[in-house]
Structures are given as C-alpha cells and as structure tokens.
Amino acid sequence: MDMDRSDLVERLSETILRLKVVCNFLSSEEPLPSVIQRVETMASFIELLLETLKDLSDQDLQSFQRVLLIEIQSGKGYSDISARWLMMRDRQDMVFYLLQDHSQHRLLEMTTEAFEKMNRTDLVQRLSQSSSGPKKKHSDEQRPAVIQKVATMAAVKHLLLETLNDLRNEDLENSSRPWI
C-alpha cells in the first residue's frame, strides 16, 4: 500500500483469501475451484514423477541424479542442488526436494531433458502423455496425506510467487518502510 500498488494489494488480498480457503480445505470445508484445481494438478504431477522414478533401476536412478545435477550446474539458470542430492535414494524425498525450488513446469522440463540424455524415450513419452492434466482419484483410492500436503504447499507457494513476481525492482527499492 505504501508503494501505491493497489493492483498488487488486490491480488495479495485474493491470495490471502485463497490461503484461507486452502486452510479450510484441509479442515474439510469446500475451497474455491481454482485452488482445488491447482492442488489436484500438483498432486497428480507428484504422483506421475514418483511412478516414473519407481520404474528406474538403482543404477538408472543414480544416472538420473547425475544428469540432473550436471544440467542444473551447467548454466541453465536453475538453482543449485546440493551434494546431498546425490546421496538421496528415496524417490519421494527426491521429488519433494526438487519441488522446494522448482516450479512444476521447470521440474517437468528438467526431468524430460534428463530422460532424453539418458536415452529413456519410454519415460519421456510417459511424461508427455501423462502430464497433460490432473487425474481424479477414485473415492475409494485416497492419495497419501503427505503428497496432498506437499501439493497444497507447492500450489500455495506458486500463487504467492505469481503475486510477488508482479513487483518491479523499483517498487522494492522505493519502499522505505521496513517489512514487519
């Protein structure tokens, strides 16, 4: 408000409302369809990655890790992955770790490129066919709570980043008021 950016105030207010709705969703109240769609898309994406990585042998998984590390550190503009990444053996931990710093779109690009470099066109094809949209779970087949929570956090983070990305550098520089 001090920066005279009413457009961002409005978007942030909408985001806060969405966050409240997400919290209500976790309390079994009915959320807004856009939030549900984002969470569902993210959860389906997480499941797709987990299913795809499940089919890799231990050797292929290590190769995947090395290829991703090389691609990320080769100047592609991706944030650094720590050496801890190469030590990970749990596929779920790997996916959750990558989702901390990368959007769904970027992670899909990175994974597809890694599979291409590994000559795993079968996995590239699976990703391209399956990533077109979320798949609804049957009512008797519940998604693990941890996947649902990670998907919710990632979707909310994306909503917040969309709002914050609209700030221009000069908006930030002109703000003389400290954030509380």
C-alpha atoms as a PDB file:
ATOM      1  CA  MET A   1       0.000   0.000   0.000  1.00  0.00           C
ATOM      2  CA  ASP A   2       2.888   2.366   0.797  1.00  0.00           C
ATOM      3  CA  MET A   3       4.242   1.692  -2.665  1.00  0.00           C
ATOM      4  CA  ASP A   4       0.925   2.766  -4.188  1.00  0.00           C
ATOM      5  CA  ARG A   5       0.427  -0.578  -5.914  1.00  0.00           C
ATOM      6  CA  SER A   6      -3.276  -1.186  -5.436  1.00  0.00           C
ATOM      7  CA  ASP A   7      -3.194  -3.867  -8.136  1.00  0.00           C
ATOM      8  CA  LEU A   8      -0.836  -5.945  -6.011  1.00  0.00           C
ATOM      9  CA  VAL A   9      -2.781  -5.239  -2.837  1.00  0.00           C
ATOM     10  CA  GLU A  10      -5.849  -6.619  -4.561  1.00  0.00           C
ATOM     11  CA  ARG A  11      -4.011  -9.701  -5.839  1.00  0.00           C
ATOM     12  CA  LEU A  12      -2.425 -10.303  -2.456  1.00  0.00           C
ATOM     13  CA  SER A  13      -5.831 -10.000  -0.806  1.00  0.00           C
ATOM     14  CA  GLU A  14      -7.151 -12.587  -3.251  1.00  0.00           C
ATOM     15  CA  THR A  15      -4.169 -14.806  -2.478  1.00  0.00           C
ATOM     16  CA  ILE A  16      -4.759 -14.463   1.254  1.00  0.00           C
ATOM     17  CA  LEU A  17      -8.379 -15.411   0.677  1.00  0.00           C
ATOM     18  CA  ARG A  18      -7.202 -18.437  -1.308  1.00  0.00           C
ATOM     19  CA  LEU A  19      -4.833 -19.369   1.518  1.00  0.00           C
ATOM     20  CA  LYS A  20      -7.706 -19.211   3.973  1.00  0.00           C
ATOM     21  CA  VAL A  21      -9.696 -21.383   1.615  1.00  0.00           C
ATOM     22  CA  VAL A  22      -6.820 -23.878   1.398  1.00  0.00           C
ATOM     23  CA  CYS A  23      -6.678 -23.994   5.186  1.00  0.00           C
ATOM     24  CA  ASN A  24     -10.410 -24.598   5.208  1.00  0.00           C
ATOM     25  CA  PHE A  25      -9.920 -27.284   2.577  1.00  0.00           C
ATOM     26  CA  LEU A  26      -7.543 -29.067   4.920  1.00  0.00           C
ATOM     27  CA  SER A  27     -10.297 -28.774   7.550  1.00  0.00           C
ATOM     28  CA  SER A  28     -12.773 -30.424   5.134  1.00  0.00           C
ATOM     29  CA  GLU A  29     -14.585 -27.240   4.131  1.00  0.00           C
ATOM     30  CA  GLU A  30     -15.292 -26.548   0.451  1.00  0.00           C
ATOM     31  CA  PRO A  31     -12.490 -24.490  -1.224  1.00  0.00           C
ATOM     32  CA  LEU A  32     -12.556 -22.415  -4.381  1.00  0.00           C
ATOM     33  CA  PRO A  33     -12.386 -24.436  -7.620  1.00  0.00           C
ATOM     34  CA  SER A  34      -9.164 -22.735  -8.797  1.00  0.00           C
ATOM     35  CA  VAL A  35      -7.326 -23.757  -5.635  1.00  0.00           C
ATOM     36  CA  ILE A  36      -8.698 -27.279  -5.849  1.00  0.00           C
ATOM     37  CA  GLN A  37      -7.582 -27.492  -9.486  1.00  0.00           C
ATOM     38  CA  ARG A  38      -4.062 -26.270  -8.698  1.00  0.00           C
ATOM     39  CA  VAL A  39      -3.658 -28.659  -5.780  1.00  0.00           C
ATOM     40  CA  GLU A  40      -5.079 -31.550  -7.797  1.00  0.00           C
ATOM     41  CA  THR A  41      -2.785 -30.785 -10.735  1.00  0.00           C
ATOM     42  CA  MET A  42       0.247 -30.593  -8.452  1.00  0.00           C
ATOM     43  CA  ALA A  43      -0.677 -33.812  -6.617  1.00  0.00           C
ATOM     44  CA  SER A  44      -1.145 -35.641  -9.927  1.00  0.00           C
ATOM     45  CA  PHE A  45       2.210 -34.313 -11.110  1.00  0.00           C
ATOM     46  CA  ILE A  46       3.922 -35.531  -7.924  1.00  0.00           C
ATOM     47  CA  GLU A  47       2.356 -38.959  -8.386  1.00  0.00           C
ATOM     48  CA  LEU A  48       3.431 -39.018 -12.039  1.00  0.00           C
ATOM     49  CA  LEU A  49       7.036 -38.276 -11.103  1.00  0.00           C
ATOM     50  CA  LEU A  50       7.004 -40.862  -8.324  1.00  0.00           C
ATOM     51  CA  GLU A  51       5.537 -43.509 -10.633  1.00  0.00           C
ATOM     52  CA  THR A  52       8.082 -42.681 -13.324  1.00  0.00           C
ATOM     53  CA  LEU A  53      11.055 -42.772 -10.960  1.00  0.00           C
ATOM     54  CA  LYS A  54       9.761 -46.018  -9.441  1.00  0.00           C
ATOM     55  CA  ASP A  55      10.447 -47.738 -12.757  1.00  0.00           C
ATOM     56  CA  LEU A  56      14.125 -46.753 -12.721  1.00  0.00           C
ATOM     57  CA  SER A  57      16.684 -49.276 -11.568  1.00  0.00           C
ATOM     58  CA  ASP A  58      19.057 -48.133  -8.826  1.00  0.00           C
ATOM     59  CA  GLN A  59      21.744 -47.574 -11.465  1.00  0.00           C
ATOM     60  CA  ASP A  60      19.362 -45.561 -13.676  1.00  0.00           C
ATOM     61  CA  LEU A  61      18.278 -43.533 -10.667  1.00  0.00           C
ATOM     62  CA  GLN A  62      21.889 -42.618  -9.927  1.00  0.00           C
ATOM     63  CA  SER A  63      22.374 -41.715 -13.581  1.00  0.00           C
ATOM     64  CA  PHE A  64      19.236 -39.551 -13.423  1.00  0.00           C
ATOM     65  CA  GLN A  65      20.610 -37.765 -10.363  1.00  0.00           C
ATOM     66  CA  ARG A  66      23.966 -37.099 -12.026  1.00  0.00           C
ATOM     67  CA  VAL A  67      22.383 -35.858 -15.261  1.00  0.00           C
ATOM     68  CA  LEU A  68      20.069 -33.512 -13.373  1.00  0.00           C
ATOM     69  CA  LEU A  69      22.953 -32.206 -11.291  1.00  0.00           C
ATOM     70  CA  ILE A  70      25.083 -31.576 -14.388  1.00  0.00           C
ATOM     71  CA  GLU A  71      22.194 -29.869 -16.220  1.00  0.00           C
ATOM     72  CA  ILE A  72      21.415 -27.666 -13.269  1.00  0.00           C
ATOM     73  CA  GLN A  73      25.008 -26.637 -12.700  1.00  0.00           C
ATOM     74  CA  SER A  74      25.817 -26.214 -16.390  1.00  0.00           C
ATOM     75  CA  GLY A  75      24.463 -22.680 -16.554  1.00  0.00           C
ATOM     76  CA  LYS A  76      20.858 -23.448 -17.416  1.00  0.00           C
ATOM     77  CA  GLY A  77      19.722 -20.922 -14.848  1.00  0.00           C
ATOM     78  CA  TYR A  78      18.449 -23.464 -12.365  1.00  0.00           C
ATOM     79  CA  SER A  79      19.254 -23.093  -8.700  1.00  0.00           C
ATOM     80  CA  ASP A  80      21.977 -25.274  -7.256  1.00  0.00           C
ATOM     81  CA  ILE A  81      21.275 -28.742  -5.980  1.00  0.00           C
ATOM     82  CA  SER A  82      23.425 -29.683  -3.036  1.00  0.00           C
ATOM     83  CA  ALA A  83      25.720 -32.674  -2.879  1.00  0.00           C
ATOM     84  CA  ARG A  84      23.084 -34.159  -0.570  1.00  0.00           C
ATOM     85  CA  TRP A  85      21.024 -34.726  -3.736  1.00  0.00           C
ATOM     86  CA  LEU A  86      23.477 -37.373  -4.979  1.00  0.00           C
ATOM     87  CA  MET A  87      23.177 -39.239  -1.681  1.00  0.00           C
ATOM     88  CA  MET A  88      19.374 -39.476  -1.799  1.00  0.00           C
ATOM     89  CA  ARG A  89      17.954 -42.893  -2.553  1.00  0.00           C
ATOM     90  CA  ASP A  90      14.326 -42.357  -1.602  1.00  0.00           C
ATOM     91  CA  ARG A  91      12.378 -41.310  -4.678  1.00  0.00           C
ATOM     92  CA  GLN A  92       9.719 -39.432  -2.709  1.00  0.00           C
ATOM     93  CA  ASP A  93      12.383 -37.392  -0.903  1.00  0.00           C
ATOM     94  CA  MET A  94      13.951 -36.584  -4.270  1.00  0.00           C
ATOM     95  CA  VAL A  95      10.703 -35.301  -5.762  1.00  0.00           C
ATOM     96  CA  PHE A  96       9.815 -33.276  -2.662  1.00  0.00           C
ATOM     97  CA  TYR A  97      13.345 -31.839  -2.558  1.00  0.00           C
ATOM     98  CA  LEU A  98      13.146 -30.687  -6.177  1.00  0.00           C
ATOM     99  CA  LEU A  99       9.674 -29.182  -5.668  1.00  0.00           C
ATOM    100  CA  GLN A 100      11.064 -26.895  -2.968  1.00  0.00           C
ATOM    101  CA  ASP A 101      12.978 -24.822  -5.521  1.00  0.00           C
ATOM    102  CA  HIS A 102      11.419 -25.552  -8.901  1.00  0.00           C
ATOM    103  CA  SER A 103       8.002 -24.995 -10.390  1.00  0.00           C
ATOM    104  CA  GLN A 104       6.042 -27.883 -11.819  1.00  0.00           C
ATOM    105  CA  HIS A 105       6.777 -26.669 -15.348  1.00  0.00           C
ATOM    106  CA  ARG A 106      10.524 -26.320 -14.770  1.00  0.00           C
ATOM    107  CA  LEU A 107      10.739 -29.665 -12.997  1.00  0.00           C
ATOM    108  CA  LEU A 108       8.927 -31.330 -15.890  1.00  0.00           C
ATOM    109  CA  GLU A 109      11.379 -29.721 -18.338  1.00  0.00           C
ATOM    110  CA  MET A 110      14.392 -30.812 -16.283  1.00  0.00           C
ATOM    111  CA  THR A 111      13.122 -34.360 -15.854  1.00  0.00           C
ATOM    112  CA  THR A 112      12.255 -34.720 -19.530  1.00  0.00           C
ATOM    113  CA  GLU A 113      15.667 -33.414 -20.569  1.00  0.00           C
ATOM    114  CA  ALA A 114      17.404 -35.779 -18.148  1.00  0.00           C
ATOM    115  CA  PHE A 115      15.476 -38.757 -19.536  1.00  0.00           C
ATOM    116  CA  GLU A 116      16.317 -37.677 -23.093  1.00  0.00           C
ATOM    117  CA  LYS A 117      20.028 -37.542 -22.238  1.00  0.00           C
ATOM    118  CA  MET A 118      19.708 -40.996 -20.670  1.00  0.00           C
ATOM    119  CA  ASN A 119      18.095 -42.264 -23.911  1.00  0.00           C
ATOM    120  CA  ARG A 120      14.948 -43.200 -21.997  1.00  0.00           C
ATOM    121  CA  THR A 121      12.416 -42.189 -24.632  1.00  0.00           C
ATOM    122  CA  ASP A 122       9.865 -44.500 -22.995  1.00  0.00           C
ATOM    123  CA  LEU A 123       9.910 -42.299 -19.886  1.00  0.00           C
ATOM    124  CA  VAL A 124       9.887 -39.088 -21.935  1.00  0.00           C
ATOM    125  CA  GLN A 125       6.801 -40.354 -23.734  1.00  0.00           C
ATOM    126  CA  ARG A 126       5.127 -41.329 -20.458  1.00  0.00           C
ATOM    127  CA  LEU A 127       5.755 -37.861 -19.026  1.00  0.00           C
ATOM    128  CA  SER A 128       4.453 -36.095 -22.124  1.00  0.00           C
ATOM    129  CA  GLN A 129       1.309 -38.215 -22.304  1.00  0.00           C
ATOM    130  CA  SER A 130       0.543 -38.118 -18.599  1.00  0.00           C
ATOM    131  CA  SER A 131       1.381 -34.509 -17.798  1.00  0.00           C
ATOM    132  CA  SER A 132      -1.440 -33.019 -19.842  1.00  0.00           C
ATOM    133  CA  GLY A 133      -3.765 -32.708 -16.873  1.00  0.00           C
ATOM    134  CA  PRO A 134      -4.708 -33.968 -13.437  1.00  0.00           C
ATOM    135  CA  LYS A 135      -6.312 -37.298 -12.952  1.00  0.00           C
ATOM    136  CA  LYS A 136      -9.025 -37.550 -10.361  1.00  0.00           C
ATOM    137  CA  LYS A 137      -8.576 -40.215  -7.752  1.00  0.00           C
ATOM    138  CA  HIS A 138     -11.448 -42.617  -7.251  1.00  0.00           C
ATOM    139  CA  SER A 139     -13.233 -42.059  -3.963  1.00  0.00           C
ATOM    140  CA  ASP A 140     -12.057 -45.430  -2.604  1.00  0.00           C
ATOM    141  CA  GLU A 141      -8.449 -44.712  -3.603  1.00  0.00           C
ATOM    142  CA  GLN A 142      -7.164 -41.959  -1.327  1.00  0.00           C
ATOM    143  CA  ARG A 143      -3.998 -40.039  -2.055  1.00  0.00           C
ATOM    144  CA  PRO A 144      -1.365 -40.247   0.693  1.00  0.00           C
ATOM    145  CA  ALA A 145      -1.677 -37.295   3.071  1.00  0.00           C
ATOM    146  CA  VAL A 146       1.964 -36.309   2.612  1.00  0.00           C
ATOM    147  CA  ILE A 147       1.505 -35.955  -1.167  1.00  0.00           C
ATOM    148  CA  GLN A 148      -1.672 -33.930  -0.631  1.00  0.00           C
ATOM    149  CA  LYS A 149       0.088 -31.604   1.834  1.00  0.00           C
ATOM    150  CA  VAL A 150       3.168 -31.128  -0.367  1.00  0.00           C
ATOM    151  CA  ALA A 151       0.911 -30.458  -3.347  1.00  0.00           C
ATOM    152  CA  THR A 152      -1.069 -27.911  -1.330  1.00  0.00           C
ATOM    153  CA  MET A 153       2.087 -26.145  -0.138  1.00  0.00           C
ATOM    154  CA  ALA A 154       3.539 -26.066  -3.662  1.00  0.00           C
ATOM    155  CA  ALA A 155       0.295 -24.717  -5.143  1.00  0.00           C
ATOM    156  CA  VAL A 156       0.038 -22.002  -2.483  1.00  0.00           C
ATOM    157  CA  LYS A 157       3.703 -21.087  -2.955  1.00  0.00           C
ATOM    158  CA  HIS A 158       3.054 -20.728  -6.686  1.00  0.00           C
ATOM    159  CA  LEU A 159       0.054 -18.447  -6.048  1.00  0.00           C
ATOM    160  CA  LEU A 160       2.158 -16.242  -3.777  1.00  0.00           C
ATOM    161  CA  LEU A 161       5.043 -16.120  -6.229  1.00  0.00           C
ATOM    162  CA  GLU A 162       2.693 -15.101  -9.034  1.00  0.00           C
ATOM    163  CA  THR A 163       1.663 -12.108  -6.960  1.00  0.00           C
ATOM    164  CA  LEU A 164       5.180 -11.190  -5.873  1.00  0.00           C
ATOM    165  CA  ASN A 165       6.573 -11.545  -9.389  1.00  0.00           C
ATOM    166  CA  ASP A 166       4.475  -8.563 -10.417  1.00  0.00           C
ATOM    167  CA  LEU A 167       6.589  -6.323  -8.217  1.00  0.00           C
ATOM    168  CA  ARG A 168       9.109  -4.335 -10.168  1.00  0.00           C
ATOM    169  CA  ASN A 169      12.608  -3.745  -8.792  1.00  0.00           C
ATOM    170  CA  GLU A 170      11.901  -0.039  -8.465  1.00  0.00           C
ATOM    171  CA  ASP A 171       8.830  -0.863  -6.371  1.00  0.00           C
ATOM    172  CA  LEU A 172      11.046  -2.708  -3.954  1.00  0.00           C
ATOM    173  CA  GLU A 173      13.752  -0.045  -3.988  1.00  0.00           C
ATOM    174  CA  ASN A 174      11.276   2.799  -3.440  1.00  0.00           C
ATOM    175  CA  SER A 175       9.803   1.134  -0.435  1.00  0.00           C
ATOM    176  CA  SER A 176      11.422   2.830   2.519  1.00  0.00           C
ATOM    177  CA  ARG A 177       9.208   1.203   5.104  1.00  0.00           C
ATOM    178  CA  PRO A 178      10.686  -1.928   6.713  1.00  0.00           C
ATOM    179  CA  TRP A 179       8.646  -5.098   6.431  1.00  0.00           C
ATOM    180  CA  ILE A 180       7.136  -6.307   9.665  1.00  0.00           C
END
